[in-house]
Amino acid sequence: MNAFLRSTFLIALAEMGDKSQLVSLAYATRFSWPIALGGVTIATLLVHLCSVWLGEALGVTLPAFWIRMIAGIAFIGFGLWTLRGDTYDGSATQRRSRFGPLVTVACTFFVSELGDKTMLATVTLASQLQSWLGVWLGSTVGMVAADALAILVGQVLGKRLPERAIKLAAAGIFLVFGAGTILQAVRAG
């Protein structure tokens, strides 16, 4: 699976039920879908560009065995993190901003992504796959697609996603990818 497709798939899964997806859903109930989606897209492009840069730097400095081992452990960690879940207290939607709604959504989403599992997953993918453009574009497409779903739900239904089933499926896939990546490292190492 090439870097673009793998990144798109894994980041879309990682975003399901994530706190930044809940931020998207909350903003979709407050602003129009083009504003919410535009802010999410701008923030995602920026945060994932930083993530890919960091991942590429780690990929150049670490041996392939350790990159695979760390990536496998990280994916298992993301699976467990997905099972645990994130929370969102809604405080970002309570305050009025002196900036326009697009900037408000973009800034809030950017900050919610810093250190988040999707950012860390993007760093991991970039260090492992060594294709910065494929990982950057794929992770951005996956993230925006997952958040577009939340925005659609927020606009149409105004209710929460069926979190439990999505969370279990996403966690299972991360655990499988993690175990597979560790096995690859052991076999190759």
N, C-alpha and C. Protein backbone atom coordinates (compact mmCIF):
# COMPACT_ATOMS: atom_id res chain seq x y z
N MET A 1 0.86 -1.17 0.00
CA MET A 1 0.00 0.00 0.00
C MET A 1 0.91 1.24 0.00
N ASN A 2 0.71 2.16 -0.92
CA ASN A 2 1.63 3.30 -0.97
C ASN A 2 1.38 4.27 0.18
N ALA A 3 2.29 5.22 0.33
CA ALA A 3 2.25 6.14 1.47
C ALA A 3 0.97 6.96 1.51
N PHE A 4 0.49 7.42 0.37
CA PHE A 4 -0.73 8.23 0.32
C PHE A 4 -1.93 7.42 0.82
N LEU A 5 -2.13 6.23 0.28
CA LEU A 5 -3.30 5.43 0.66
C LEU A 5 -3.22 4.96 2.10
N ARG A 6 -2.05 4.52 2.51
CA ARG A 6 -1.88 4.05 3.90
C ARG A 6 -2.13 5.20 4.88
N SER A 7 -1.59 6.37 4.58
CA SER A 7 -1.78 7.53 5.45
C SER A 7 -3.24 7.96 5.49
N THR A 8 -3.88 7.98 4.32
CA THR A 8 -5.29 8.36 4.26
C THR A 8 -6.12 7.43 5.14
N PHE A 9 -5.93 6.14 4.97
CA PHE A 9 -6.70 5.14 5.70
C PHE A 9 -6.46 5.21 7.21
N LEU A 10 -5.19 5.21 7.62
CA LEU A 10 -4.89 5.17 9.05
C LEU A 10 -5.27 6.47 9.77
N ILE A 11 -5.06 7.59 9.13
CA ILE A 11 -5.40 8.85 9.79
C ILE A 11 -6.91 9.04 9.86
N ALA A 12 -7.63 8.62 8.83
CA ALA A 12 -9.10 8.68 8.91
C ALA A 12 -9.61 7.82 10.06
N LEU A 13 -9.01 6.64 10.23
CA LEU A 13 -9.39 5.78 11.37
C LEU A 13 -9.04 6.43 12.70
N ALA A 14 -7.85 6.99 12.77
CA ALA A 14 -7.40 7.60 14.02
C ALA A 14 -8.30 8.76 14.42
N GLU A 15 -8.85 9.45 13.45
CA GLU A 15 -9.67 10.63 13.74
C GLU A 15 -11.07 10.26 14.22
N MET A 16 -11.52 9.05 13.95
CA MET A 16 -12.88 8.65 14.34
C MET A 16 -13.03 8.67 15.86
N GLY A 17 -13.92 9.51 16.34
CA GLY A 17 -14.17 9.63 17.77
C GLY A 17 -13.13 10.44 18.52
N ASP A 18 -12.18 11.03 17.81
CA ASP A 18 -11.12 11.83 18.42
C ASP A 18 -11.68 13.17 18.87
N LYS A 19 -10.98 13.82 19.81
CA LYS A 19 -11.48 15.10 20.32
C LYS A 19 -11.54 16.17 19.23
N SER A 20 -10.60 16.15 18.27
CA SER A 20 -10.66 17.16 17.22
C SER A 20 -11.84 16.92 16.29
N GLN A 21 -12.28 15.66 16.15
CA GLN A 21 -13.48 15.39 15.38
C GLN A 21 -14.71 15.93 16.13
N LEU A 22 -14.68 15.85 17.44
CA LEU A 22 -15.76 16.42 18.24
C LEU A 22 -15.76 17.95 18.15
N VAL A 23 -14.56 18.55 18.03
CA VAL A 23 -14.48 20.00 17.81
C VAL A 23 -15.14 20.35 16.48
N SER A 24 -14.86 19.56 15.45
CA SER A 24 -15.48 19.78 14.13
C SER A 24 -16.99 19.68 14.22
N LEU A 25 -17.47 18.68 14.91
CA LEU A 25 -18.91 18.49 15.06
C LEU A 25 -19.53 19.68 15.79
N ALA A 26 -18.86 20.14 16.84
CA ALA A 26 -19.39 21.27 17.61
C ALA A 26 -19.44 22.54 16.77
N TYR A 27 -18.38 22.80 16.02
CA TYR A 27 -18.38 23.99 15.17
C TYR A 27 -19.39 23.89 14.04
N ALA A 28 -19.68 22.69 13.59
CA ALA A 28 -20.68 22.51 12.53
C ALA A 28 -22.07 22.88 13.02
N THR A 29 -22.29 22.76 14.32
CA THR A 29 -23.59 23.17 14.85
C THR A 29 -23.67 24.68 15.04
N ARG A 30 -22.54 25.35 15.00
CA ARG A 30 -22.50 26.81 15.22
C ARG A 30 -22.29 27.60 13.94
N PHE A 31 -21.47 27.07 13.00
CA PHE A 31 -21.15 27.78 11.77
C PHE A 31 -21.61 26.95 10.57
N SER A 32 -21.59 27.58 9.39
CA SER A 32 -21.96 26.86 8.17
C SER A 32 -20.89 25.80 7.87
N TRP A 33 -21.28 24.77 7.10
CA TRP A 33 -20.33 23.70 6.79
C TRP A 33 -19.13 24.19 6.01
N PRO A 34 -19.24 25.17 5.06
CA PRO A 34 -18.00 25.61 4.39
C PRO A 34 -17.00 26.27 5.34
N ILE A 35 -17.50 27.01 6.33
CA ILE A 35 -16.61 27.63 7.31
C ILE A 35 -15.94 26.55 8.16
N ALA A 36 -16.72 25.61 8.67
CA ALA A 36 -16.17 24.55 9.52
C ALA A 36 -15.16 23.70 8.74
N LEU A 37 -15.52 23.29 7.54
CA LEU A 37 -14.62 22.45 6.74
C LEU A 37 -13.39 23.23 6.29
N GLY A 38 -13.55 24.48 5.93
CA GLY A 38 -12.40 25.30 5.54
C GLY A 38 -11.40 25.47 6.66
N GLY A 39 -11.90 25.75 7.87
CA GLY A 39 -11.02 25.90 9.02
C GLY A 39 -10.28 24.61 9.35
N VAL A 40 -10.99 23.50 9.29
CA VAL A 40 -10.38 22.19 9.54
C VAL A 40 -9.31 21.90 8.50
N THR A 41 -9.59 22.19 7.24
CA THR A 41 -8.63 21.90 6.17
C THR A 41 -7.37 22.73 6.31
N ILE A 42 -7.51 24.01 6.58
CA ILE A 42 -6.33 24.89 6.76
C ILE A 42 -5.47 24.40 7.91
N ALA A 43 -6.09 24.13 9.05
CA ALA A 43 -5.35 23.67 10.22
C ALA A 43 -4.69 22.32 9.96
N THR A 44 -5.39 21.43 9.29
CA THR A 44 -4.84 20.09 9.01
C THR A 44 -3.63 20.17 8.09
N LEU A 45 -3.72 20.99 7.05
CA LEU A 45 -2.58 21.15 6.15
C LEU A 45 -1.34 21.60 6.92
N LEU A 46 -1.51 22.53 7.83
CA LEU A 46 -0.37 23.07 8.58
C LEU A 46 0.18 22.09 9.61
N VAL A 47 -0.70 21.51 10.41
CA VAL A 47 -0.22 20.63 11.47
C VAL A 47 0.38 19.35 10.90
N HIS A 48 -0.17 18.86 9.80
CA HIS A 48 0.39 17.63 9.22
C HIS A 48 1.68 17.90 8.45
N LEU A 49 1.86 19.09 7.93
CA LEU A 49 3.14 19.45 7.32
C LEU A 49 4.23 19.44 8.39
N CYS A 50 3.94 20.01 9.56
CA CYS A 50 4.90 19.98 10.67
C CYS A 50 5.16 18.54 11.12
N SER A 51 4.11 17.73 11.18
CA SER A 51 4.25 16.33 11.61
C SER A 51 5.12 15.53 10.65
N VAL A 52 4.91 15.74 9.36
CA VAL A 52 5.68 15.02 8.35
C VAL A 52 7.15 15.44 8.41
N TRP A 53 7.39 16.72 8.58
CA TRP A 53 8.76 17.20 8.70
C TRP A 53 9.46 16.53 9.88
N LEU A 54 8.78 16.46 11.01
CA LEU A 54 9.36 15.81 12.19
C LEU A 54 9.59 14.32 11.94
N GLY A 55 8.62 13.67 11.32
CA GLY A 55 8.75 12.24 11.01
C GLY A 55 9.89 11.95 10.05
N GLU A 56 10.04 12.80 9.04
CA GLU A 56 11.14 12.63 8.08
C GLU A 56 12.49 12.79 8.78
N ALA A 57 12.59 13.76 9.68
CA ALA A 57 13.84 13.97 10.41
C ALA A 57 14.17 12.74 11.27
N LEU A 58 13.17 12.18 11.92
CA LEU A 58 13.40 10.97 12.72
C LEU A 58 13.77 9.79 11.84
N GLY A 59 13.14 9.69 10.66
CA GLY A 59 13.41 8.58 9.75
C GLY A 59 14.83 8.57 9.23
N VAL A 60 15.43 9.73 9.08
CA VAL A 60 16.80 9.82 8.58
C VAL A 60 17.81 9.48 9.67
N THR A 61 17.47 9.76 10.92
CA THR A 61 18.44 9.59 12.01
C THR A 61 18.38 8.24 12.71
N LEU A 62 17.26 7.51 12.58
CA LEU A 62 17.13 6.22 13.27
C LEU A 62 17.26 5.06 12.30
N PRO A 63 17.85 3.93 12.73
CA PRO A 63 17.92 2.73 11.88
C PRO A 63 16.51 2.19 11.60
N ALA A 64 16.35 1.51 10.47
CA ALA A 64 15.05 1.00 10.03
C ALA A 64 14.41 0.07 11.06
N PHE A 65 15.21 -0.79 11.72
CA PHE A 65 14.66 -1.69 12.73
C PHE A 65 13.95 -0.91 13.83
N TRP A 66 14.60 0.12 14.34
CA TRP A 66 14.02 0.88 15.45
C TRP A 66 12.83 1.71 14.99
N ILE A 67 12.86 2.19 13.77
CA ILE A 67 11.70 2.92 13.25
C ILE A 67 10.49 2.00 13.21
N ARG A 68 10.68 0.75 12.73
CA ARG A 68 9.57 -0.20 12.67
C ARG A 68 9.08 -0.58 14.07
N MET A 69 10.01 -0.83 14.98
CA MET A 69 9.62 -1.19 16.34
C MET A 69 8.85 -0.05 17.01
N ILE A 70 9.37 1.16 16.89
CA ILE A 70 8.69 2.32 17.49
C ILE A 70 7.34 2.53 16.83
N ALA A 71 7.28 2.38 15.51
CA ALA A 71 6.01 2.55 14.80
C ALA A 71 5.00 1.50 15.24
N GLY A 72 5.42 0.25 15.37
CA GLY A 72 4.53 -0.81 15.81
C GLY A 72 4.00 -0.56 17.21
N ILE A 73 4.90 -0.19 18.11
CA ILE A 73 4.48 0.12 19.48
C ILE A 73 3.55 1.33 19.49
N ALA A 74 3.88 2.33 18.67
CA ALA A 74 3.02 3.52 18.60
C ALA A 74 1.63 3.17 18.09
N PHE A 75 1.54 2.34 17.04
CA PHE A 75 0.23 1.94 16.52
C PHE A 75 -0.58 1.17 17.56
N ILE A 76 0.08 0.31 18.32
CA ILE A 76 -0.62 -0.38 19.39
C ILE A 76 -1.08 0.64 20.44
N GLY A 77 -0.22 1.59 20.75
CA GLY A 77 -0.60 2.66 21.67
C GLY A 77 -1.79 3.46 21.14
N PHE A 78 -1.81 3.74 19.83
CA PHE A 78 -2.94 4.48 19.24
C PHE A 78 -4.22 3.66 19.35
N GLY A 79 -4.10 2.34 19.18
CA GLY A 79 -5.26 1.47 19.32
C GLY A 79 -5.82 1.52 20.74
N LEU A 80 -4.92 1.44 21.72
CA LEU A 80 -5.35 1.52 23.12
C LEU A 80 -5.91 2.90 23.44
N TRP A 81 -5.28 3.95 22.90
CA TRP A 81 -5.75 5.32 23.09
C TRP A 81 -7.15 5.47 22.50
N THR A 82 -7.38 4.87 21.34
CA THR A 82 -8.69 4.93 20.70
C THR A 82 -9.73 4.24 21.58
N LEU A 83 -9.38 3.11 22.17
CA LEU A 83 -10.31 2.42 23.07
C LEU A 83 -10.65 3.28 24.29
N ARG A 84 -9.63 3.96 24.82
CA ARG A 84 -9.84 4.83 25.98
C ARG A 84 -10.72 6.00 25.62
N GLY A 85 -10.50 6.56 24.44
CA GLY A 85 -11.32 7.67 23.97
C GLY A 85 -10.81 9.02 24.43
N ASP A 86 -11.31 10.04 23.77
CA ASP A 86 -11.01 11.42 24.09
C ASP A 86 -12.28 12.08 24.58
N THR A 87 -12.11 13.20 25.26
CA THR A 87 -13.28 13.97 25.68
C THR A 87 -13.16 15.38 25.16
N TYR A 88 -14.29 16.01 25.04
CA TYR A 88 -14.34 17.39 24.59
C TYR A 88 -15.36 18.09 25.47
N ASP A 89 -14.95 19.17 26.13
CA ASP A 89 -15.86 19.82 27.07
C ASP A 89 -16.72 20.90 26.45
N GLY A 90 -16.51 21.22 25.19
CA GLY A 90 -17.35 22.20 24.50
C GLY A 90 -16.99 23.65 24.80
N SER A 91 -15.95 23.89 25.58
CA SER A 91 -15.64 25.26 25.97
C SER A 91 -15.23 26.14 24.80
N ALA A 92 -14.69 25.56 23.74
CA ALA A 92 -14.26 26.37 22.60
C ALA A 92 -15.44 27.01 21.88
N THR A 93 -16.61 26.42 21.99
CA THR A 93 -17.76 26.98 21.29
C THR A 93 -18.53 27.97 22.16
N GLN A 94 -18.15 28.13 23.39
CA GLN A 94 -18.89 29.00 24.29
C GLN A 94 -18.45 30.46 24.20
N ARG A 95 -17.21 30.71 23.84
CA ARG A 95 -16.68 32.07 23.81
C ARG A 95 -16.85 32.71 22.45
N ARG A 96 -17.06 34.01 22.45
CA ARG A 96 -17.11 34.76 21.20
C ARG A 96 -15.68 35.11 20.81
N SER A 97 -15.38 35.07 19.54
CA SER A 97 -14.05 35.37 19.06
C SER A 97 -14.05 36.74 18.41
N ARG A 98 -12.93 37.42 18.55
CA ARG A 98 -12.83 38.70 17.84
C ARG A 98 -12.33 38.50 16.43
N PHE A 99 -11.95 37.28 16.09
CA PHE A 99 -11.55 36.93 14.73
C PHE A 99 -12.77 36.39 14.00
N GLY A 100 -12.67 36.27 12.70
CA GLY A 100 -13.77 35.70 11.94
C GLY A 100 -13.95 34.22 12.25
N PRO A 101 -15.08 33.65 11.86
CA PRO A 101 -15.33 32.24 12.17
C PRO A 101 -14.33 31.27 11.53
N LEU A 102 -13.86 31.56 10.33
CA LEU A 102 -12.89 30.67 9.68
C LEU A 102 -11.59 30.60 10.48
N VAL A 103 -11.08 31.75 10.90
CA VAL A 103 -9.85 31.79 11.69
C VAL A 103 -10.08 31.13 13.06
N THR A 104 -11.23 31.36 13.64
CA THR A 104 -11.56 30.74 14.93
C THR A 104 -11.54 29.23 14.83
N VAL A 105 -12.21 28.68 13.80
CA VAL A 105 -12.24 27.24 13.62
C VAL A 105 -10.83 26.71 13.35
N ALA A 106 -10.10 27.36 12.45
CA ALA A 106 -8.75 26.90 12.09
C ALA A 106 -7.82 26.90 13.31
N CYS A 107 -7.83 27.98 14.07
CA CYS A 107 -6.95 28.07 15.24
C CYS A 107 -7.32 27.04 16.31
N THR A 108 -8.59 26.91 16.59
CA THR A 108 -9.03 25.94 17.60
C THR A 108 -8.67 24.53 17.18
N PHE A 109 -8.93 24.22 15.91
CA PHE A 109 -8.64 22.88 15.42
C PHE A 109 -7.14 22.61 15.44
N PHE A 110 -6.33 23.58 15.04
CA PHE A 110 -4.88 23.44 15.05
C PHE A 110 -4.39 23.12 16.46
N VAL A 111 -4.85 23.89 17.43
CA VAL A 111 -4.43 23.67 18.82
C VAL A 111 -4.91 22.32 19.34
N SER A 112 -6.12 21.91 18.95
CA SER A 112 -6.64 20.62 19.42
C SER A 112 -5.84 19.46 18.84
N GLU A 113 -5.16 19.67 17.72
CA GLU A 113 -4.38 18.62 17.09
C GLU A 113 -2.97 18.49 17.65
N LEU A 114 -2.44 19.52 18.28
CA LEU A 114 -1.06 19.46 18.78
C LEU A 114 -0.92 18.36 19.82
N GLY A 115 -0.07 17.41 19.55
CA GLY A 115 0.16 16.29 20.46
C GLY A 115 -0.94 15.24 20.44
N ASP A 116 -1.90 15.39 19.54
CA ASP A 116 -3.01 14.45 19.44
C ASP A 116 -2.55 13.17 18.74
N LYS A 117 -3.35 12.11 18.88
CA LYS A 117 -2.92 10.83 18.30
C LYS A 117 -2.80 10.90 16.78
N THR A 118 -3.61 11.71 16.10
CA THR A 118 -3.48 11.80 14.64
C THR A 118 -2.19 12.51 14.24
N MET A 119 -1.79 13.49 15.03
CA MET A 119 -0.51 14.15 14.75
C MET A 119 0.63 13.16 14.98
N LEU A 120 0.58 12.45 16.09
CA LEU A 120 1.63 11.47 16.38
C LEU A 120 1.63 10.32 15.38
N ALA A 121 0.45 9.92 14.92
CA ALA A 121 0.38 8.87 13.90
C ALA A 121 1.00 9.36 12.59
N THR A 122 0.80 10.63 12.26
CA THR A 122 1.39 11.19 11.04
C THR A 122 2.92 11.23 11.17
N VAL A 123 3.42 11.62 12.33
CA VAL A 123 4.87 11.60 12.57
C VAL A 123 5.40 10.18 12.39
N THR A 124 4.70 9.22 12.96
CA THR A 124 5.11 7.81 12.87
C THR A 124 5.12 7.33 11.42
N LEU A 125 4.05 7.63 10.69
CA LEU A 125 3.98 7.22 9.28
C LEU A 125 5.10 7.86 8.46
N ALA A 126 5.35 9.13 8.68
CA ALA A 126 6.40 9.82 7.92
C ALA A 126 7.78 9.23 8.21
N SER A 127 8.02 8.87 9.47
CA SER A 127 9.33 8.30 9.81
C SER A 127 9.48 6.89 9.23
N GLN A 128 8.37 6.19 9.11
CA GLN A 128 8.41 4.81 8.63
C GLN A 128 8.40 4.73 7.11
N LEU A 129 7.57 5.53 6.46
CA LEU A 129 7.35 5.39 5.02
C LEU A 129 8.30 6.23 4.16
N GLN A 130 8.90 7.26 4.74
CA GLN A 130 9.87 8.11 4.03
C GLN A 130 9.33 8.63 2.70
N SER A 131 8.11 9.09 2.69
CA SER A 131 7.51 9.73 1.52
C SER A 131 6.72 10.93 2.03
N TRP A 132 7.42 12.04 2.25
CA TRP A 132 6.79 13.17 2.93
C TRP A 132 5.55 13.68 2.20
N LEU A 133 5.59 13.75 0.88
CA LEU A 133 4.45 14.28 0.13
C LEU A 133 3.26 13.32 0.22
N GLY A 134 3.50 12.03 0.04
CA GLY A 134 2.42 11.05 0.13
C GLY A 134 1.79 11.01 1.51
N VAL A 135 2.63 11.05 2.55
CA VAL A 135 2.11 11.03 3.92
C VAL A 135 1.38 12.33 4.23
N TRP A 136 1.94 13.46 3.82
CA TRP A 136 1.30 14.76 4.10
C TRP A 136 -0.07 14.84 3.42
N LEU A 137 -0.11 14.54 2.12
CA LEU A 137 -1.38 14.63 1.40
C LEU A 137 -2.36 13.55 1.88
N GLY A 138 -1.87 12.34 2.09
CA GLY A 138 -2.74 11.26 2.55
C GLY A 138 -3.30 11.52 3.93
N SER A 139 -2.45 11.96 4.85
CA SER A 139 -2.93 12.22 6.21
C SER A 139 -3.91 13.39 6.21
N THR A 140 -3.67 14.37 5.36
CA THR A 140 -4.58 15.51 5.27
C THR A 140 -5.94 15.08 4.71
N VAL A 141 -5.91 14.29 3.64
CA VAL A 141 -7.17 13.81 3.04
C VAL A 141 -7.94 12.95 4.04
N GLY A 142 -7.24 12.04 4.72
CA GLY A 142 -7.90 11.18 5.71
C GLY A 142 -8.52 11.97 6.84
N MET A 143 -7.78 12.95 7.33
CA MET A 143 -8.27 13.78 8.43
C MET A 143 -9.47 14.62 8.01
N VAL A 144 -9.35 15.28 6.86
CA VAL A 144 -10.44 16.14 6.40
C VAL A 144 -11.68 15.30 6.08
N ALA A 145 -11.49 14.11 5.52
CA ALA A 145 -12.64 13.24 5.22
C ALA A 145 -13.36 12.82 6.50
N ALA A 146 -12.60 12.43 7.51
CA ALA A 146 -13.21 12.03 8.79
C ALA A 146 -13.92 13.21 9.44
N ASP A 147 -13.31 14.38 9.38
CA ASP A 147 -13.93 15.55 9.99
C ASP A 147 -15.10 16.07 9.16
N ALA A 148 -15.06 15.87 7.84
CA ALA A 148 -16.20 16.23 7.00
C ALA A 148 -17.42 15.40 7.39
N LEU A 149 -17.18 14.15 7.75
CA LEU A 149 -18.27 13.30 8.22
C LEU A 149 -18.89 13.89 9.49
N ALA A 150 -18.04 14.31 10.42
CA ALA A 150 -18.54 14.92 11.66
C ALA A 150 -19.27 16.22 11.37
N ILE A 151 -18.76 16.99 10.43
CA ILE A 151 -19.40 18.26 10.07
C ILE A 151 -20.77 17.98 9.45
N LEU A 152 -20.83 16.98 8.59
CA LEU A 152 -22.11 16.61 7.98
C LEU A 152 -23.11 16.18 9.06
N VAL A 153 -22.66 15.35 9.96
CA VAL A 153 -23.53 14.90 11.05
C VAL A 153 -23.97 16.09 11.90
N GLY A 154 -23.02 16.98 12.20
CA GLY A 154 -23.34 18.16 13.00
C GLY A 154 -24.35 19.06 12.30
N GLN A 155 -24.22 19.20 11.00
CA GLN A 155 -25.13 20.05 10.24
C GLN A 155 -26.51 19.41 10.09
N VAL A 156 -26.54 18.14 9.76
CA VAL A 156 -27.81 17.47 9.45
C VAL A 156 -28.53 17.01 10.70
N LEU A 157 -27.83 16.32 11.56
CA LEU A 157 -28.48 15.71 12.71
C LEU A 157 -28.29 16.47 14.01
N GLY A 158 -27.13 17.11 14.14
CA GLY A 158 -26.84 17.81 15.39
C GLY A 158 -26.66 16.85 16.56
N LYS A 159 -26.39 15.60 16.27
CA LYS A 159 -26.21 14.59 17.33
C LYS A 159 -24.84 13.94 17.20
N ARG A 160 -24.46 13.18 18.19
CA ARG A 160 -23.15 12.53 18.20
C ARG A 160 -23.13 11.28 17.32
N LEU A 161 -21.94 10.98 16.85
CA LEU A 161 -21.73 9.74 16.09
C LEU A 161 -21.90 8.53 17.02
N PRO A 162 -22.26 7.37 16.47
CA PRO A 162 -22.30 6.16 17.30
C PRO A 162 -20.87 5.75 17.66
N GLU A 163 -20.35 6.37 18.71
CA GLU A 163 -18.93 6.28 19.04
C GLU A 163 -18.42 4.87 19.33
N ARG A 164 -19.16 4.10 20.06
CA ARG A 164 -18.64 2.81 20.53
C ARG A 164 -18.22 1.88 19.39
N ALA A 165 -19.07 1.69 18.41
CA ALA A 165 -18.74 0.79 17.29
C ALA A 165 -17.57 1.32 16.48
N ILE A 166 -17.57 2.62 16.21
CA ILE A 166 -16.48 3.23 15.44
C ILE A 166 -15.17 3.12 16.21
N LYS A 167 -15.24 3.39 17.50
CA LYS A 167 -14.05 3.34 18.35
C LYS A 167 -13.46 1.94 18.38
N LEU A 168 -14.29 0.92 18.54
CA LEU A 168 -13.81 -0.47 18.59
C LEU A 168 -13.18 -0.90 17.27
N ALA A 169 -13.82 -0.55 16.16
CA ALA A 169 -13.28 -0.91 14.84
C ALA A 169 -11.95 -0.23 14.59
N ALA A 170 -11.87 1.06 14.87
CA ALA A 170 -10.63 1.81 14.66
C ALA A 170 -9.51 1.27 15.55
N ALA A 171 -9.82 0.99 16.81
CA ALA A 171 -8.82 0.47 17.73
C ALA A 171 -8.31 -0.89 17.26
N GLY A 172 -9.22 -1.75 16.80
CA GLY A 172 -8.82 -3.06 16.31
C GLY A 172 -7.88 -2.98 15.13
N ILE A 173 -8.17 -2.09 14.21
CA ILE A 173 -7.31 -1.93 13.04
C ILE A 173 -5.93 -1.42 13.44
N PHE A 174 -5.87 -0.46 14.37
CA PHE A 174 -4.57 0.02 14.84
C PHE A 174 -3.79 -1.09 15.52
N LEU A 175 -4.44 -1.91 16.33
CA LEU A 175 -3.75 -3.00 17.00
C LEU A 175 -3.19 -4.00 15.99
N VAL A 176 -3.96 -4.31 14.95
CA VAL A 176 -3.49 -5.23 13.91
C VAL A 176 -2.29 -4.64 13.16
N PHE A 177 -2.40 -3.34 12.77
CA PHE A 177 -1.27 -2.70 12.10
C PHE A 177 -0.03 -2.67 13.00
N GLY A 178 -0.22 -2.40 14.28
CA GLY A 178 0.90 -2.37 15.21
C GLY A 178 1.59 -3.71 15.33
N ALA A 179 0.79 -4.76 15.52
CA ALA A 179 1.37 -6.11 15.63
C ALA A 179 2.07 -6.51 14.33
N GLY A 180 1.47 -6.19 13.20
CA GLY A 180 2.09 -6.50 11.91
C GLY A 180 3.40 -5.77 11.70
N THR A 181 3.44 -4.51 12.10
CA THR A 181 4.67 -3.72 11.95
C THR A 181 5.79 -4.27 12.86
N ILE A 182 5.45 -4.66 14.07
CA ILE A 182 6.46 -5.24 14.97
C ILE A 182 6.97 -6.56 14.40
N LEU A 183 6.06 -7.38 13.87
CA LEU A 183 6.49 -8.65 13.26
C LEU A 183 7.43 -8.41 12.08
N GLN A 184 7.12 -7.41 11.25
CA GLN A 184 8.00 -7.06 10.13
C GLN A 184 9.38 -6.66 10.63
N ALA A 185 9.44 -5.88 11.71
CA ALA A 185 10.71 -5.44 12.25
C ALA A 185 11.53 -6.62 12.75
N VAL A 186 10.87 -7.53 13.45
CA VAL A 186 11.58 -8.70 13.99
C VAL A 186 12.08 -9.59 12.87
N ARG A 187 11.25 -9.81 11.86
CA ARG A 187 11.66 -10.65 10.72
C ARG A 187 12.82 -10.03 9.93
N ALA A 188 12.77 -8.72 9.73
CA ALA A 188 13.80 -8.04 8.95
C ALA A 188 15.06 -7.76 9.77
N GLY A 189 14.90 -7.64 11.10
CA GLY A 189 15.99 -7.22 11.97
C GLY A 189 16.93 -8.29 12.31
